[in-house]
Amino acid sequence: MGAIYLHSVKVMRFRQSAWPDSRLDEFKTSVDTRLDALSSRVAELSGRVDETNGRIDLLQHTILIVGGGLFAAFVGVLAAIIGLIVTQL
């Protein structure tokens, strides 16, 4: 187990010494470019989420209005049935 660990450390040291400053600068530029692209994609996604939230809010409002109307209609029909039963007794 210890031999594997030491071998890994040696490989890591070799890889670290193989990265010159110019290569690190290229890597930094590449990472910066990708992060900028990711940032723009996250901003676009945030806009889509905001739009979807608005649509969900409208749908929820519609469901409440329709549900309230159905409940009121149910109570009216129930009152009519109870009134009909009471008058027939």
PDB file of N, CA and C in Angstrom:
ATOM      1  N   MET A   1       0.833  -1.193   0.000  1.00  0.00           N
ATOM      2  CA  MET A   1       0.000   0.000   0.000  1.00  0.00           C
ATOM      3  C   MET A   1       0.868   1.243   0.000  1.00  0.00           C
ATOM      4  N   GLY A   2       1.901   1.253   0.833  1.00  0.00           N
ATOM      5  CA  GLY A   2       2.792   2.412   0.912  1.00  0.00           C
ATOM      6  C   GLY A   2       3.556   2.623  -0.376  1.00  0.00           C
ATOM      7  N   ALA A   3       3.904   1.535  -1.082  1.00  0.00           N
ATOM      8  CA  ALA A   3       4.647   1.649  -2.339  1.00  0.00           C
ATOM      9  C   ALA A   3       3.787   2.313  -3.401  1.00  0.00           C
ATOM     10  N   ILE A   4       2.497   1.996  -3.418  1.00  0.00           N
ATOM     11  CA  ILE A   4       1.585   2.617  -4.386  1.00  0.00           C
ATOM     12  C   ILE A   4       1.476   4.108  -4.104  1.00  0.00           C
ATOM     13  N   TYR A   5       1.363   4.474  -2.856  1.00  0.00           N
ATOM     14  CA  TYR A   5       1.264   5.885  -2.485  1.00  0.00           C
ATOM     15  C   TYR A   5       2.525   6.642  -2.898  1.00  0.00           C
ATOM     16  N   LEU A   6       3.692   6.074  -2.613  1.00  0.00           N
ATOM     17  CA  LEU A   6       4.945   6.740  -2.973  1.00  0.00           C
ATOM     18  C   LEU A   6       5.067   6.883  -4.479  1.00  0.00           C
ATOM     19  N   HIS A   7       4.647   5.872  -5.226  1.00  0.00           N
ATOM     20  CA  HIS A   7       4.688   5.963  -6.679  1.00  0.00           C
ATOM     21  C   HIS A   7       3.784   7.104  -7.162  1.00  0.00           C
ATOM     22  N   SER A   8       2.596   7.237  -6.557  1.00  0.00           N
ATOM     23  CA  SER A   8       1.675   8.310  -6.936  1.00  0.00           C
ATOM     24  C   SER A   8       2.291   9.675  -6.667  1.00  0.00           C
ATOM     25  N   VAL A   9       2.974   9.824  -5.552  1.00  0.00           N
ATOM     26  CA  VAL A   9       3.620  11.090  -5.218  1.00  0.00           C
ATOM     27  C   VAL A   9       4.702  11.409  -6.238  1.00  0.00           C
ATOM     28  N   LYS A  10       5.478  10.417  -6.643  1.00  0.00           N
ATOM     29  CA  LYS A  10       6.523  10.631  -7.643  1.00  0.00           C
ATOM     30  C   LYS A  10       5.919  11.059  -8.975  1.00  0.00           C
ATOM     31  N   VAL A  11       4.833  10.425  -9.368  1.00  0.00           N
ATOM     32  CA  VAL A  11       4.178  10.792 -10.617  1.00  0.00           C
ATOM     33  C   VAL A  11       3.655  12.214 -10.530  1.00  0.00           C
ATOM     34  N   MET A  12       3.068  12.585  -9.401  1.00  0.00           N
ATOM     35  CA  MET A  12       2.537  13.939  -9.245  1.00  0.00           C
ATOM     36  C   MET A  12       3.656  14.963  -9.295  1.00  0.00           C
ATOM     37  N   ARG A  13       4.773  14.684  -8.687  1.00  0.00           N
ATOM     38  CA  ARG A  13       5.903  15.616  -8.737  1.00  0.00           C
ATOM     39  C   ARG A  13       6.388  15.784 -10.164  1.00  0.00           C
ATOM     40  N   PHE A  14       6.425  14.687 -10.923  1.00  0.00           N
ATOM     41  CA  PHE A  14       6.862  14.760 -12.310  1.00  0.00           C
ATOM     42  C   PHE A  14       5.895  15.618 -13.112  1.00  0.00           C
ATOM     43  N   ARG A  15       4.607  15.425 -12.905  1.00  0.00           N
ATOM     44  CA  ARG A  15       3.610  16.188 -13.654  1.00  0.00           C
ATOM     45  C   ARG A  15       3.653  17.666 -13.276  1.00  0.00           C
ATOM     46  N   GLN A  16       3.868  17.974 -12.040  1.00  0.00           N
ATOM     47  CA  GLN A  16       3.951  19.377 -11.641  1.00  0.00           C
ATOM     48  C   GLN A  16       5.132  20.060 -12.306  1.00  0.00           C
ATOM     49  N   SER A  17       6.250  19.397 -12.413  1.00  0.00           N
ATOM     50  CA  SER A  17       7.431  20.026 -13.001  1.00  0.00           C
ATOM     51  C   SER A  17       7.295  20.138 -14.515  1.00  0.00           C
ATOM     52  N   ALA A  18       6.360  19.408 -15.124  1.00  0.00           N
ATOM     53  CA  ALA A  18       6.197  19.437 -16.571  1.00  0.00           C
ATOM     54  C   ALA A  18       5.294  20.580 -17.039  1.00  0.00           C
ATOM     55  N   TRP A  19       4.774  21.387 -16.150  1.00  0.00           N
ATOM     56  CA  TRP A  19       3.885  22.490 -16.514  1.00  0.00           C
ATOM     57  C   TRP A  19       4.666  23.806 -16.484  1.00  0.00           C
ATOM     58  N   PRO A  20       5.124  24.286 -17.611  1.00  0.00           N
ATOM     59  CA  PRO A  20       5.819  25.575 -17.628  1.00  0.00           C
ATOM     60  C   PRO A  20       4.814  26.724 -17.481  1.00  0.00           C
ATOM     61  N   ASP A  21       5.339  27.904 -17.250  1.00  0.00           N
ATOM     62  CA  ASP A  21       4.476  29.069 -17.035  1.00  0.00           C
ATOM     63  C   ASP A  21       3.578  29.343 -18.239  1.00  0.00           C
ATOM     64  N   SER A  22       4.110  29.175 -19.435  1.00  0.00           N
ATOM     65  CA  SER A  22       3.288  29.435 -20.620  1.00  0.00           C
ATOM     66  C   SER A  22       2.105  28.474 -20.691  1.00  0.00           C
ATOM     67  N   ARG A  23       2.339  27.236 -20.326  1.00  0.00           N
ATOM     68  CA  ARG A  23       1.255  26.253 -20.336  1.00  0.00           C
ATOM     69  C   ARG A  23       0.225  26.576 -19.260  1.00  0.00           C
ATOM     70  N   LEU A  24       0.661  27.023 -18.116  1.00  0.00           N
ATOM     71  CA  LEU A  24      -0.263  27.441 -17.061  1.00  0.00           C
ATOM     72  C   LEU A  24      -1.077  28.647 -17.489  1.00  0.00           C
ATOM     73  N   ASP A  25      -0.445  29.579 -18.205  1.00  0.00           N
ATOM     74  CA  ASP A  25      -1.179  30.744 -18.711  1.00  0.00           C
ATOM     75  C   ASP A  25      -2.247  30.326 -19.715  1.00  0.00           C
ATOM     76  N   GLU A  26      -1.906  29.369 -20.585  1.00  0.00           N
ATOM     77  CA  GLU A  26      -2.894  28.857 -21.534  1.00  0.00           C
ATOM     78  C   GLU A  26      -4.045  28.179 -20.790  1.00  0.00           C
ATOM     79  N   PHE A  27      -3.709  27.419 -19.773  1.00  0.00           N
ATOM     80  CA  PHE A  27      -4.742  26.744 -18.983  1.00  0.00           C
ATOM     81  C   PHE A  27      -5.648  27.759 -18.290  1.00  0.00           C
ATOM     82  N   LYS A  28      -5.051  28.808 -17.742  1.00  0.00           N
ATOM     83  CA  LYS A  28      -5.838  29.853 -17.078  1.00  0.00           C
ATOM     84  C   LYS A  28      -6.775  30.534 -18.070  1.00  0.00           C
ATOM     85  N   THR A  29      -6.267  30.821 -19.258  1.00  0.00           N
ATOM     86  CA  THR A  29      -7.106  31.448 -20.286  1.00  0.00           C
ATOM     87  C   THR A  29      -8.259  30.534 -20.672  1.00  0.00           C
ATOM     88  N   SER A  30      -7.959  29.251 -20.812  1.00  0.00           N
ATOM     89  CA  SER A  30      -8.994  28.281 -21.161  1.00  0.00           C
ATOM     90  C   SER A  30     -10.050  28.196 -20.059  1.00  0.00           C
ATOM     91  N   VAL A  31      -9.608  28.165 -18.823  1.00  0.00           N
ATOM     92  CA  VAL A  31     -10.547  28.104 -17.697  1.00  0.00           C
ATOM     93  C   VAL A  31     -11.378  29.381 -17.628  1.00  0.00           C
ATOM     94  N   ASP A  32     -10.749  30.528 -17.820  1.00  0.00           N
ATOM     95  CA  ASP A  32     -11.494  31.790 -17.804  1.00  0.00           C
ATOM     96  C   ASP A  32     -12.550  31.829 -18.903  1.00  0.00           C
ATOM     97  N   THR A  33     -12.195  31.350 -20.095  1.00  0.00           N
ATOM     98  CA  THR A  33     -13.151  31.326 -21.202  1.00  0.00           C
ATOM     99  C   THR A  33     -14.328  30.420 -20.879  1.00  0.00           C
ATOM    100  N   ARG A  34     -14.031  29.263 -20.340  1.00  0.00           N
ATOM    101  CA  ARG A  34     -15.114  28.332 -19.998  1.00  0.00           C
ATOM    102  C   ARG A  34     -15.986  28.881 -18.868  1.00  0.00           C
ATOM    103  N   LEU A  35     -15.389  29.536 -17.908  1.00  0.00           N
ATOM    104  CA  LEU A  35     -16.176  30.114 -16.812  1.00  0.00           C
ATOM    105  C   LEU A  35     -17.062  31.249 -17.310  1.00  0.00           C
ATOM    106  N   ASP A  36     -16.564  32.050 -18.247  1.00  0.00           N
ATOM    107  CA  ASP A  36     -17.394  33.106 -18.830  1.00  0.00           C
ATOM    108  C   ASP A  36     -18.580  32.512 -19.572  1.00  0.00           C
ATOM    109  N   ALA A  37     -18.324  31.441 -20.343  1.00  0.00           N
ATOM    110  CA  ALA A  37     -19.416  30.779 -21.057  1.00  0.00           C
ATOM    111  C   ALA A  37     -20.413  30.180 -20.069  1.00  0.00           C
ATOM    112  N   LEU A  38     -19.899  29.578 -19.016  1.00  0.00           N
ATOM    113  CA  LEU A  38     -20.773  28.999 -17.996  1.00  0.00           C
ATOM    114  C   LEU A  38     -21.599  30.086 -17.306  1.00  0.00           C
ATOM    115  N   SER A  39     -20.977  31.214 -17.052  1.00  0.00           N
ATOM    116  CA  SER A  39     -21.690  32.320 -16.408  1.00  0.00           C
ATOM    117  C   SER A  39     -22.838  32.814 -17.280  1.00  0.00           C
ATOM    118  N   SER A  40     -22.611  32.921 -18.581  1.00  0.00           N
ATOM    119  CA  SER A  40     -23.684  33.369 -19.468  1.00  0.00           C
ATOM    120  C   SER A  40     -24.798  32.327 -19.544  1.00  0.00           C
ATOM    121  N   ARG A  41     -24.432  31.042 -19.523  1.00  0.00           N
ATOM    122  CA  ARG A  41     -25.448  29.998 -19.556  1.00  0.00           C
ATOM    123  C   ARG A  41     -26.262  29.984 -18.269  1.00  0.00           C
ATOM    124  N   VAL A  42     -25.620  30.244 -17.140  1.00  0.00           N
ATOM    125  CA  VAL A  42     -26.334  30.296 -15.863  1.00  0.00           C
ATOM    126  C   VAL A  42     -27.293  31.488 -15.853  1.00  0.00           C
ATOM    127  N   ALA A  43     -26.858  32.616 -16.403  1.00  0.00           N
ATOM    128  CA  ALA A  43     -27.736  33.786 -16.473  1.00  0.00           C
ATOM    129  C   ALA A  43     -28.946  33.487 -17.355  1.00  0.00           C
ATOM    130  N   GLU A  44     -28.728  32.803 -18.476  1.00  0.00           N
ATOM    131  CA  GLU A  44     -29.836  32.430 -19.354  1.00  0.00           C
ATOM    132  C   GLU A  44     -30.787  31.478 -18.633  1.00  0.00           C
ATOM    133  N   LEU A  45     -30.238  30.521 -17.927  1.00  0.00           N
ATOM    134  CA  LEU A  45     -31.056  29.569 -17.176  1.00  0.00           C
ATOM    135  C   LEU A  45     -31.854  30.280 -16.084  1.00  0.00           C
ATOM    136  N   SER A  46     -31.239  31.256 -15.444  1.00  0.00           N
ATOM    137  CA  SER A  46     -31.938  32.023 -14.414  1.00  0.00           C
ATOM    138  C   SER A  46     -33.137  32.757 -15.011  1.00  0.00           C
ATOM    139  N   GLY A  47     -32.959  33.321 -16.200  1.00  0.00           N
ATOM    140  CA  GLY A  47     -34.073  33.974 -16.879  1.00  0.00           C
ATOM    141  C   GLY A  47     -35.193  33.004 -17.195  1.00  0.00           C
ATOM    142  N   ARG A  48     -34.820  31.810 -17.642  1.00  0.00           N
ATOM    143  CA  ARG A  48     -35.841  30.804 -17.941  1.00  0.00           C
ATOM    144  C   ARG A  48     -36.582  30.383 -16.684  1.00  0.00           C
ATOM    145  N   VAL A  49     -35.870  30.238 -15.587  1.00  0.00           N
ATOM    146  CA  VAL A  49     -36.499  29.850 -14.325  1.00  0.00           C
ATOM    147  C   VAL A  49     -37.469  30.939 -13.872  1.00  0.00           C
ATOM    148  N   ASP A  50     -37.072  32.205 -14.001  1.00  0.00           N
ATOM    149  CA  ASP A  50     -37.968  33.304 -13.629  1.00  0.00           C
ATOM    150  C   ASP A  50     -39.228  33.289 -14.481  1.00  0.00           C
ATOM    151  N   GLU A  51     -39.063  33.039 -15.789  1.00  0.00           N
ATOM    152  CA  GLU A  51     -40.214  32.976 -16.683  1.00  0.00           C
ATOM    153  C   GLU A  51     -41.129  31.814 -16.297  1.00  0.00           C
ATOM    154  N   THR A  52     -40.540  30.674 -15.998  1.00  0.00           N
ATOM    155  CA  THR A  52     -41.323  29.503 -15.604  1.00  0.00           C
ATOM    156  C   THR A  52     -42.040  29.749 -14.281  1.00  0.00           C
ATOM    157  N   ASN A  53     -41.379  30.432 -13.353  1.00  0.00           N
ATOM    158  CA  ASN A  53     -42.036  30.756 -12.078  1.00  0.00           C
ATOM    159  C   ASN A  53     -43.265  31.624 -12.307  1.00  0.00           C
ATOM    160  N   GLY A  54     -43.163  32.580 -13.222  1.00  0.00           N
ATOM    161  CA  GLY A  54     -44.308  33.425 -13.543  1.00  0.00           C
ATOM    162  C   GLY A  54     -45.463  32.620 -14.116  1.00  0.00           C
ATOM    163  N   ARG A  55     -45.127  31.690 -14.998  1.00  0.00           N
ATOM    164  CA  ARG A  55     -46.169  30.855 -15.591  1.00  0.00           C
ATOM    165  C   ARG A  55     -46.810  29.946 -14.544  1.00  0.00           C
ATOM    166  N   ILE A  56     -46.015  29.426 -13.633  1.00  0.00           N
ATOM    167  CA  ILE A  56     -46.556  28.574 -12.569  1.00  0.00           C
ATOM    168  C   ILE A  56     -47.457  29.389 -11.648  1.00  0.00           C
ATOM    169  N   ASP A  57     -47.068  30.632 -11.357  1.00  0.00           N
ATOM    170  CA  ASP A  57     -47.918  31.489 -10.525  1.00  0.00           C
ATOM    171  C   ASP A  57     -49.267  31.739 -11.189  1.00  0.00           C
ATOM    172  N   LEU A  58     -49.265  31.987 -12.510  1.00  0.00           N
ATOM    173  CA  LEU A  58     -50.526  32.189 -13.225  1.00  0.00           C
ATOM    174  C   LEU A  58     -51.375  30.922 -13.208  1.00  0.00           C
ATOM    175  N   LEU A  59     -50.733  29.773 -13.381  1.00  0.00           N
ATOM    176  CA  LEU A  59     -51.456  28.508 -13.348  1.00  0.00           C
ATOM    177  C   LEU A  59     -52.056  28.255 -11.970  1.00  0.00           C
ATOM    178  N   GLN A  60     -51.294  28.559 -10.932  1.00  0.00           N
ATOM    179  CA  GLN A  60     -51.794  28.379  -9.570  1.00  0.00           C
ATOM    180  C   GLN A  60     -52.993  29.287  -9.317  1.00  0.00           C
ATOM    181  N   HIS A  61     -52.935  30.511  -9.807  1.00  0.00           N
ATOM    182  CA  HIS A  61     -54.058  31.447  -9.640  1.00  0.00           C
ATOM    183  C   HIS A  61     -55.296  30.907 -10.361  1.00  0.00           C
ATOM    184  N   THR A  62     -55.108  30.404 -11.567  1.00  0.00           N
ATOM    185  CA  THR A  62     -56.229  29.849 -12.323  1.00  0.00           C
ATOM    186  C   THR A  62     -56.827  28.640 -11.607  1.00  0.00           C
ATOM    187  N   ILE A  63     -55.971  27.782 -11.075  1.00  0.00           N
ATOM    188  CA  ILE A  63     -56.462  26.599 -10.352  1.00  0.00           C
ATOM    189  C   ILE A  63     -57.272  27.011  -9.128  1.00  0.00           C
ATOM    190  N   LEU A  64     -56.811  28.031  -8.419  1.00  0.00           N
ATOM    191  CA  LEU A  64     -57.558  28.503  -7.248  1.00  0.00           C
ATOM    192  C   LEU A  64     -58.913  29.077  -7.639  1.00  0.00           C
ATOM    193  N   ILE A  65     -58.962  29.845  -8.726  1.00  0.00           N
ATOM    194  CA  ILE A  65     -60.230  30.437  -9.166  1.00  0.00           C
ATOM    195  C   ILE A  65     -61.206  29.337  -9.589  1.00  0.00           C
ATOM    196  N   VAL A  66     -60.750  28.409 -10.412  1.00  0.00           N
ATOM    197  CA  VAL A  66     -61.622  27.330 -10.886  1.00  0.00           C
ATOM    198  C   VAL A  66     -62.036  26.439  -9.708  1.00  0.00           C
ATOM    199  N   GLY A  67     -61.088  26.105  -8.831  1.00  0.00           N
ATOM    200  CA  GLY A  67     -61.415  25.279  -7.672  1.00  0.00           C
ATOM    201  C   GLY A  67     -62.415  25.955  -6.763  1.00  0.00           C
ATOM    202  N   GLY A  68     -62.238  27.253  -6.550  1.00  0.00           N
ATOM    203  CA  GLY A  68     -63.201  27.996  -5.724  1.00  0.00           C
ATOM    204  C   GLY A  68     -64.584  28.015  -6.343  1.00  0.00           C
ATOM    205  N   GLY A  69     -64.634  28.180  -7.661  1.00  0.00           N
ATOM    206  CA  GLY A  69     -65.929  28.157  -8.357  1.00  0.00           C
ATOM    207  C   GLY A  69     -66.600  26.798  -8.259  1.00  0.00           C
ATOM    208  N   LEU A  70     -65.805  25.749  -8.425  1.00  0.00           N
ATOM    209  CA  LEU A  70     -66.368  24.398  -8.299  1.00  0.00           C
ATOM    210  C   LEU A  70     -66.856  24.124  -6.881  1.00  0.00           C
ATOM    211  N   PHE A  71     -66.114  24.588  -5.898  1.00  0.00           N
ATOM    212  CA  PHE A  71     -66.531  24.397  -4.507  1.00  0.00           C
ATOM    213  C   PHE A  71     -67.830  25.152  -4.225  1.00  0.00           C
ATOM    214  N   ALA A  72     -67.912  26.382  -4.722  1.00  0.00           N
ATOM    215  CA  ALA A  72     -69.141  27.166  -4.520  1.00  0.00           C
ATOM    216  C   ALA A  72     -70.322  26.487  -5.212  1.00  0.00           C
ATOM    217  N   ALA A  73     -70.094  25.952  -6.418  1.00  0.00           N
ATOM    218  CA  ALA A  73     -71.169  25.254  -7.128  1.00  0.00           C
ATOM    219  C   ALA A  73     -71.591  23.997  -6.361  1.00  0.00           C
ATOM    220  N   PHE A  74     -70.621  23.279  -5.816  1.00  0.00           N
ATOM    221  CA  PHE A  74     -70.927  22.077  -5.037  1.00  0.00           C
ATOM    222  C   PHE A  74     -71.760  22.432  -3.810  1.00  0.00           C
ATOM    223  N   VAL A  75     -71.380  23.495  -3.115  1.00  0.00           N
ATOM    224  CA  VAL A  75     -72.145  23.923  -1.932  1.00  0.00           C
ATOM    225  C   VAL A  75     -73.548  24.339  -2.336  1.00  0.00           C
ATOM    226  N   GLY A  76     -73.698  25.017  -3.475  1.00  0.00           N
ATOM    227  CA  GLY A  76     -75.035  25.408  -3.948  1.00  0.00           C
ATOM    228  C   GLY A  76     -75.896  24.215  -4.278  1.00  0.00           C
ATOM    229  N   VAL A  77     -75.329  23.226  -4.982  1.00  0.00           N
ATOM    230  CA  VAL A  77     -76.086  22.016  -5.322  1.00  0.00           C
ATOM    231  C   VAL A  77     -76.442  21.252  -4.051  1.00  0.00           C
ATOM    232  N   LEU A  78     -75.516  21.162  -3.120  1.00  0.00           N
ATOM    233  CA  LEU A  78     -75.784  20.475  -1.859  1.00  0.00           C
ATOM    234  C   LEU A  78     -76.907  21.175  -1.094  1.00  0.00           C
ATOM    235  N   ALA A  79     -76.880  22.510  -1.061  1.00  0.00           N
ATOM    236  CA  ALA A  79     -77.949  23.256  -0.381  1.00  0.00           C
ATOM    237  C   ALA A  79     -79.289  23.021  -1.077  1.00  0.00           C
ATOM    238  N   ALA A  80     -79.284  22.961  -2.408  1.00  0.00           N
ATOM    239  CA  ALA A  80     -80.525  22.726  -3.154  1.00  0.00           C
ATOM    240  C   ALA A  80     -81.071  21.335  -2.846  1.00  0.00           C
ATOM    241  N   ILE A  81     -80.193  20.342  -2.792  1.00  0.00           N
ATOM    242  CA  ILE A  81     -80.629  18.970  -2.502  1.00  0.00           C
ATOM    243  C   ILE A  81     -81.181  18.887  -1.087  1.00  0.00           C
ATOM    244  N   ILE A  82     -80.484  19.520  -0.134  1.00  0.00           N
ATOM    245  CA  ILE A  82     -80.970  19.512   1.246  1.00  0.00           C
ATOM    246  C   ILE A  82     -82.317  20.226   1.332  1.00  0.00           C
ATOM    247  N   GLY A  83     -82.460  21.355   0.629  1.00  0.00           N
ATOM    248  CA  GLY A  83     -83.738  22.072   0.625  1.00  0.00           C
ATOM    249  C   GLY A  83     -84.852  21.239   0.014  1.00  0.00           C
ATOM    250  N   LEU A  84     -84.539  20.521  -1.057  1.00  0.00           N
ATOM    251  CA  LEU A  84     -85.531  19.651  -1.689  1.00  0.00           C
ATOM    252  C   LEU A  84     -85.950  18.529  -0.740  1.00  0.00           C
ATOM    253  N   ILE A  85     -85.002  17.935  -0.056  1.00  0.00           N
ATOM    254  CA  ILE A  85     -85.299  16.848   0.886  1.00  0.00           C
ATOM    255  C   ILE A  85     -86.155  17.373   2.035  1.00  0.00           C
ATOM    256  N   VAL A  86     -85.797  18.546   2.564  1.00  0.00           N
ATOM    257  CA  VAL A  86     -86.527  19.110   3.702  1.00  0.00           C
ATOM    258  C   VAL A  86     -87.972  19.436   3.299  1.00  0.00           C
ATOM    259  N   THR A  87     -88.182  19.953   2.100  1.00  0.00           N
ATOM    260  CA  THR A  87     -89.546  20.322   1.692  1.00  0.00           C
ATOM    261  C   THR A  87     -90.405  19.111   1.378  1.00  0.00           C
ATOM    262  N   GLN A  88     -89.790  18.001   1.073  1.00  0.00           N
ATOM    263  CA  GLN A  88     -90.536  16.792   0.746  1.00  0.00           C
ATOM    264  C   GLN A  88     -90.918  15.979   1.979  1.00  0.00           C
ATOM    265  N   LEU A  89     -90.345  16.305   3.127  1.00  0.00           N
ATOM    266  CA  LEU A  89     -90.681  15.559   4.344  1.00  0.00           C
ATOM    267  C   LEU A  89     -91.955  15.961   4.926  1.00  0.00           C
TER     268      LEU A  89
END
